[in-house]
Each structure stands twice: as structure tokens, then as C-alpha cells.
């Protein structure tokens, strides 16, 4: 059985996100682990209505923001995946960790 650790990173700051994910991929590869990615999704655009008072009525211009997503897959090397997860990330980045156990492919 092989473990695949998927790290999903989200941020509103695309430049910091790309630099961080690229650096983490290089770190994983330097340590000799197999790393696929970074993969990316289409950015999510959000609009939040704003009001000048606490009561509905006078609405201001809405707040618009974009969230960018990147993810890496680390195959095997559980100890390296744990090191990457423990890395201190910039405050603007959120990370989600998913560990999946996959059966090894049999040779025919």
C-alpha cells in the first residue's frame, strides 16, 4: 500500500501562493520524494454585499475578491509529507491535507 498526501493551498495572493507552492515542491524533490504538481483550479471569484448600516437598506459597493487554488500530491514518503505540512506558511495561505491509501499496482 502506498500513501498519497494531497496538499491543497488557497490564497487571495496569487504571487505568494505560487512562490510558496513552487518552493515546497522543490523541497520535496530535493529530499527524494515523488511529487506531482503543482496543479491549479480556476480561480473562485466572490462578491460580498456591504451595507452602510447594520440594517438592510443603503447598500455600498460590494467587496469583490478572488481565491486561487493550487495542490501538490506527494507519493509515499510519509515523513517528508509531515515535514512539509509542518512548514511555517505565510498568513495569507490556507492549507488542507488529505491522506489517501492506494493499493500498489500489480505487474502483469
N, C-alpha and C. Protein backbone atom coordinates (compact mmCIF):
# COMPACT_ATOMS: atom_id res chain seq x y z
N UNK A 1 0.84 -1.18 0.00
CA UNK A 1 0.00 0.00 0.00
C UNK A 1 0.88 1.25 0.00
N UNK A 2 0.47 2.21 -0.78
CA UNK A 2 1.17 3.48 -0.86
C UNK A 2 0.24 4.58 -0.36
N UNK A 3 0.83 5.51 0.37
CA UNK A 3 0.06 6.65 0.84
C UNK A 3 0.31 7.83 -0.09
N UNK A 4 -0.76 8.52 -0.47
CA UNK A 4 -0.66 9.73 -1.28
C UNK A 4 -1.20 10.87 -0.44
N UNK A 5 -0.35 11.85 -0.19
CA UNK A 5 -0.74 13.02 0.59
C UNK A 5 -1.01 14.16 -0.39
N UNK A 6 -2.24 14.65 -0.37
CA UNK A 6 -2.61 15.77 -1.23
C UNK A 6 -2.68 17.02 -0.38
N UNK A 7 -1.90 18.02 -0.74
CA UNK A 7 -1.88 19.30 -0.05
C UNK A 7 -2.56 20.33 -0.94
N UNK A 8 -3.65 20.90 -0.47
CA UNK A 8 -4.39 21.90 -1.22
C UNK A 8 -4.17 23.26 -0.56
N UNK A 9 -3.68 24.20 -1.33
CA UNK A 9 -3.35 25.54 -0.84
C UNK A 9 -4.32 26.54 -1.46
N UNK A 10 -4.85 27.46 -0.63
CA UNK A 10 -5.75 28.51 -1.12
C UNK A 10 -5.28 29.85 -0.58
N UNK A 11 -5.37 30.87 -1.45
CA UNK A 11 -4.96 32.21 -1.05
C UNK A 11 -5.56 33.24 -1.99
N UNK A 12 -5.68 34.46 -1.51
CA UNK A 12 -6.09 35.57 -2.35
C UNK A 12 -4.91 36.26 -2.99
N UNK A 13 -3.70 35.89 -2.59
CA UNK A 13 -2.47 36.48 -3.12
C UNK A 13 -1.79 35.46 -4.02
N UNK A 14 -2.03 35.57 -5.32
CA UNK A 14 -1.54 34.58 -6.28
C UNK A 14 -0.02 34.49 -6.31
N UNK A 15 0.67 35.60 -6.25
CA UNK A 15 2.13 35.59 -6.33
C UNK A 15 2.74 34.84 -5.14
N UNK A 16 2.28 35.14 -3.94
CA UNK A 16 2.79 34.46 -2.74
C UNK A 16 2.43 32.98 -2.80
N UNK A 17 1.24 32.66 -3.24
CA UNK A 17 0.81 31.26 -3.35
C UNK A 17 1.71 30.50 -4.31
N UNK A 18 1.94 31.04 -5.50
CA UNK A 18 2.78 30.36 -6.49
C UNK A 18 4.21 30.18 -5.99
N UNK A 19 4.79 31.22 -5.39
CA UNK A 19 6.15 31.12 -4.86
C UNK A 19 6.25 30.07 -3.77
N UNK A 20 5.28 30.04 -2.87
CA UNK A 20 5.29 29.10 -1.75
C UNK A 20 5.15 27.67 -2.24
N UNK A 21 4.19 27.42 -3.12
CA UNK A 21 3.95 26.06 -3.61
C UNK A 21 5.15 25.57 -4.43
N UNK A 22 5.72 26.42 -5.26
CA UNK A 22 6.90 26.04 -6.03
C UNK A 22 8.06 25.71 -5.10
N UNK A 23 8.26 26.50 -4.07
CA UNK A 23 9.33 26.23 -3.10
C UNK A 23 9.12 24.92 -2.36
N UNK A 24 7.88 24.62 -1.99
CA UNK A 24 7.60 23.36 -1.30
C UNK A 24 7.83 22.17 -2.22
N UNK A 25 7.46 22.29 -3.49
CA UNK A 25 7.69 21.21 -4.46
C UNK A 25 9.19 20.95 -4.59
N UNK A 26 9.98 22.02 -4.71
CA UNK A 26 11.43 21.86 -4.81
C UNK A 26 12.00 21.21 -3.55
N UNK A 27 11.49 21.57 -2.39
CA UNK A 27 11.94 20.99 -1.13
C UNK A 27 11.66 19.48 -1.10
N UNK A 28 10.47 19.08 -1.53
CA UNK A 28 10.09 17.67 -1.54
C UNK A 28 10.99 16.89 -2.50
N UNK A 29 11.22 17.45 -3.68
CA UNK A 29 12.05 16.75 -4.67
C UNK A 29 13.51 16.66 -4.24
N UNK A 30 14.03 17.69 -3.55
CA UNK A 30 15.41 17.64 -3.03
C UNK A 30 15.58 16.50 -2.04
N UNK A 31 14.52 16.21 -1.30
CA UNK A 31 14.58 15.16 -0.29
C UNK A 31 14.35 13.78 -0.90
N UNK A 32 14.06 13.73 -2.21
CA UNK A 32 13.96 12.46 -2.91
C UNK A 32 12.58 11.84 -3.00
N UNK A 33 11.55 12.59 -2.69
CA UNK A 33 10.19 12.05 -2.76
C UNK A 33 9.58 12.36 -4.13
N UNK A 34 8.61 11.56 -4.52
CA UNK A 34 7.89 11.79 -5.76
C UNK A 34 6.79 12.81 -5.50
N UNK A 35 6.77 13.87 -6.29
CA UNK A 35 5.80 14.95 -6.10
C UNK A 35 5.20 15.32 -7.44
N UNK A 36 3.87 15.28 -7.51
CA UNK A 36 3.18 15.67 -8.74
C UNK A 36 2.50 17.02 -8.51
N UNK A 37 2.62 17.88 -9.48
CA UNK A 37 2.02 19.20 -9.38
C UNK A 37 3.08 20.27 -9.49
N UNK A 38 2.80 21.48 -9.21
CA UNK A 38 1.53 21.97 -8.70
C UNK A 38 0.44 21.99 -9.78
N UNK A 39 -0.74 21.57 -9.37
CA UNK A 39 -1.93 21.63 -10.21
C UNK A 39 -2.71 22.88 -9.78
N UNK A 40 -3.57 23.35 -10.67
CA UNK A 40 -4.36 24.53 -10.30
C UNK A 40 -5.79 24.40 -10.79
N UNK A 41 -6.67 25.05 -10.08
CA UNK A 41 -8.08 25.13 -10.46
C UNK A 41 -8.35 26.54 -10.97
N UNK A 42 -9.49 26.71 -11.60
CA UNK A 42 -9.91 28.05 -12.00
C UNK A 42 -10.10 28.88 -10.72
N UNK A 43 -9.71 30.14 -10.73
CA UNK A 43 -9.91 30.98 -9.54
C UNK A 43 -11.39 31.13 -9.21
N UNK A 44 -11.68 31.21 -7.92
CA UNK A 44 -13.05 31.46 -7.47
C UNK A 44 -13.21 32.96 -7.22
N UNK A 45 -14.19 33.54 -7.87
CA UNK A 45 -14.47 34.97 -7.69
C UNK A 45 -15.67 35.10 -6.75
N UNK A 46 -15.54 35.93 -5.73
CA UNK A 46 -16.59 36.11 -4.75
C UNK A 46 -16.99 37.58 -4.67
N UNK A 47 -18.27 37.80 -4.39
CA UNK A 47 -18.80 39.14 -4.18
C UNK A 47 -19.58 39.14 -2.88
N UNK A 48 -19.25 40.08 -2.01
CA UNK A 48 -19.91 40.19 -0.71
C UNK A 48 -20.60 41.54 -0.64
N UNK A 49 -21.92 41.56 -0.41
CA UNK A 49 -22.61 42.84 -0.31
C UNK A 49 -22.22 43.57 0.97
N UNK A 50 -22.11 44.87 0.89
CA UNK A 50 -21.78 45.70 2.05
C UNK A 50 -22.88 46.73 2.26
N UNK A 51 -23.16 47.02 3.52
CA UNK A 51 -24.20 47.98 3.87
C UNK A 51 -23.58 49.08 4.73
N UNK A 52 -24.08 50.29 4.58
CA UNK A 52 -23.53 51.41 5.35
C UNK A 52 -24.02 51.38 6.80
N UNK A 53 -25.07 50.63 7.07
CA UNK A 53 -25.61 50.49 8.43
C UNK A 53 -25.80 49.01 8.72
N UNK A 54 -26.05 48.72 9.97
CA UNK A 54 -26.25 47.32 10.37
C UNK A 54 -27.58 46.76 9.89
N UNK A 55 -28.45 47.63 9.41
CA UNK A 55 -29.75 47.20 8.94
C UNK A 55 -29.76 47.20 7.41
N UNK A 56 -30.48 46.26 6.81
CA UNK A 56 -30.57 46.26 5.34
C UNK A 56 -31.14 47.57 4.84
N UNK A 57 -30.70 47.95 3.70
CA UNK A 57 -31.22 49.19 3.13
C UNK A 57 -30.19 49.82 2.23
N UNK A 58 -29.46 50.80 2.78
CA UNK A 58 -28.46 51.50 1.98
C UNK A 58 -27.26 50.60 1.74
N UNK A 59 -27.13 50.16 0.51
CA UNK A 59 -26.06 49.23 0.17
C UNK A 59 -24.90 50.00 -0.49
N UNK A 60 -23.67 49.68 -0.06
CA UNK A 60 -22.46 50.27 -0.66
C UNK A 60 -22.00 49.36 -1.79
N UNK A 61 -20.93 49.79 -2.44
CA UNK A 61 -20.35 48.92 -3.46
C UNK A 61 -19.92 47.61 -2.82
N UNK A 62 -20.15 46.48 -3.50
CA UNK A 62 -19.80 45.19 -2.91
C UNK A 62 -18.29 45.00 -2.86
N UNK A 63 -17.89 44.11 -1.98
CA UNK A 63 -16.48 43.74 -1.85
C UNK A 63 -16.26 42.54 -2.76
N UNK A 64 -15.35 42.66 -3.71
CA UNK A 64 -15.02 41.59 -4.65
C UNK A 64 -13.63 41.06 -4.34
N UNK A 65 -13.50 39.75 -4.32
CA UNK A 65 -12.18 39.15 -4.12
C UNK A 65 -12.09 37.81 -4.84
N UNK A 66 -10.86 37.37 -5.06
CA UNK A 66 -10.59 36.14 -5.79
C UNK A 66 -9.77 35.22 -4.91
N UNK A 67 -10.09 33.92 -4.96
CA UNK A 67 -9.34 32.92 -4.23
C UNK A 67 -8.69 31.98 -5.25
N UNK A 68 -7.38 31.80 -5.14
CA UNK A 68 -6.62 30.94 -6.04
C UNK A 68 -6.30 29.62 -5.32
N UNK A 69 -6.32 28.52 -6.07
CA UNK A 69 -6.09 27.20 -5.50
C UNK A 69 -4.98 26.48 -6.27
N UNK A 70 -4.07 25.88 -5.52
CA UNK A 70 -3.01 25.03 -6.07
C UNK A 70 -2.95 23.78 -5.21
N UNK A 71 -2.53 22.65 -5.80
CA UNK A 71 -2.34 21.47 -4.97
C UNK A 71 -1.18 20.63 -5.47
N UNK A 72 -0.57 19.91 -4.51
CA UNK A 72 0.54 19.00 -4.74
C UNK A 72 0.15 17.62 -4.25
N UNK A 73 0.67 16.59 -4.91
CA UNK A 73 0.49 15.21 -4.46
C UNK A 73 1.86 14.64 -4.14
N UNK A 74 2.04 14.16 -2.92
CA UNK A 74 3.29 13.53 -2.50
C UNK A 74 3.01 12.03 -2.39
N UNK A 75 3.72 11.24 -3.18
CA UNK A 75 3.50 9.79 -3.21
C UNK A 75 4.52 9.11 -2.31
N UNK A 76 4.01 8.31 -1.35
CA UNK A 76 4.89 7.65 -0.39
C UNK A 76 5.54 8.70 0.49
N UNK A 77 6.69 8.39 1.02
CA UNK A 77 7.49 9.35 1.80
C UNK A 77 6.66 10.09 2.84
N UNK A 78 6.00 9.34 3.71
CA UNK A 78 5.13 9.94 4.72
C UNK A 78 5.87 10.94 5.60
N UNK A 79 7.13 10.64 5.95
CA UNK A 79 7.89 11.54 6.82
C UNK A 79 8.16 12.88 6.14
N UNK A 80 8.38 12.87 4.84
CA UNK A 80 8.62 14.12 4.11
C UNK A 80 7.31 14.91 4.02
N UNK A 81 6.20 14.22 3.80
CA UNK A 81 4.90 14.91 3.75
C UNK A 81 4.61 15.59 5.09
N UNK A 82 4.95 14.91 6.21
CA UNK A 82 4.74 15.52 7.53
C UNK A 82 5.61 16.76 7.70
N UNK A 83 6.84 16.72 7.21
CA UNK A 83 7.72 17.89 7.30
C UNK A 83 7.14 19.07 6.52
N UNK A 84 6.62 18.79 5.33
CA UNK A 84 6.05 19.86 4.50
C UNK A 84 4.83 20.46 5.19
N UNK A 85 3.98 19.63 5.76
CA UNK A 85 2.78 20.11 6.45
C UNK A 85 3.16 20.98 7.65
N UNK A 86 4.29 20.65 8.31
CA UNK A 86 4.71 21.41 9.49
C UNK A 86 5.43 22.71 9.13
N UNK A 87 5.67 22.93 7.84
CA UNK A 87 6.36 24.15 7.39
C UNK A 87 5.52 25.38 7.74
N UNK A 88 6.19 26.43 8.19
CA UNK A 88 5.52 27.68 8.53
C UNK A 88 5.18 28.40 7.22
N UNK A 89 3.89 28.58 6.95
CA UNK A 89 3.43 29.22 5.72
C UNK A 89 3.04 30.67 5.99
N UNK A 90 3.05 31.50 4.94
CA UNK A 90 2.58 32.88 5.11
C UNK A 90 1.12 32.90 5.61
N UNK A 91 0.75 33.93 6.34
CA UNK A 91 -0.59 34.04 6.91
C UNK A 91 -1.69 34.07 5.85
N UNK A 92 -1.34 34.49 4.64
CA UNK A 92 -2.36 34.61 3.59
C UNK A 92 -2.70 33.28 2.92
N UNK A 93 -2.02 32.19 3.31
CA UNK A 93 -2.24 30.88 2.68
C UNK A 93 -2.90 29.94 3.67
N UNK A 94 -3.93 29.25 3.19
CA UNK A 94 -4.59 28.20 3.97
C UNK A 94 -4.27 26.87 3.31
N UNK A 95 -4.02 25.85 4.12
CA UNK A 95 -3.68 24.54 3.57
C UNK A 95 -4.64 23.49 4.10
N UNK A 96 -4.99 22.56 3.24
CA UNK A 96 -5.84 21.42 3.59
C UNK A 96 -5.05 20.16 3.23
N UNK A 97 -5.03 19.19 4.13
CA UNK A 97 -4.25 17.97 3.93
C UNK A 97 -5.20 16.79 3.83
N UNK A 98 -4.99 15.97 2.81
CA UNK A 98 -5.78 14.76 2.62
C UNK A 98 -4.81 13.60 2.38
N UNK A 99 -4.94 12.54 3.18
CA UNK A 99 -4.08 11.37 3.02
C UNK A 99 -4.95 10.22 2.55
N UNK A 100 -4.52 9.62 1.44
CA UNK A 100 -5.27 8.51 0.85
C UNK A 100 -4.37 7.30 0.73
N UNK A 101 -4.90 6.16 1.07
CA UNK A 101 -4.15 4.90 0.95
C UNK A 101 -4.54 4.23 -0.35
N UNK A 102 -3.56 4.02 -1.23
CA UNK A 102 -3.84 3.42 -2.53
C UNK A 102 -3.12 2.08 -2.64
N UNK A 103 -3.78 1.15 -3.27
CA UNK A 103 -3.18 -0.17 -3.49
C UNK A 103 -2.09 -0.05 -4.54
N UNK A 104 -1.01 -0.78 -4.35
CA UNK A 104 0.06 -0.80 -5.34
C UNK A 104 -0.43 -1.55 -6.57
N UNK A 105 0.03 -1.11 -7.74
CA UNK A 105 -0.38 -1.77 -8.96
C UNK A 105 0.44 -3.04 -9.13
N UNK A 106 -0.24 -4.13 -9.44
CA UNK A 106 0.44 -5.40 -9.65
C UNK A 106 0.99 -5.44 -11.07
N UNK A 107 2.16 -6.02 -11.22
CA UNK A 107 2.78 -6.17 -12.54
C UNK A 107 2.21 -7.40 -13.22
N UNK A 108 1.90 -7.28 -14.51
CA UNK A 108 1.34 -8.43 -15.25
C UNK A 108 2.31 -8.92 -16.27
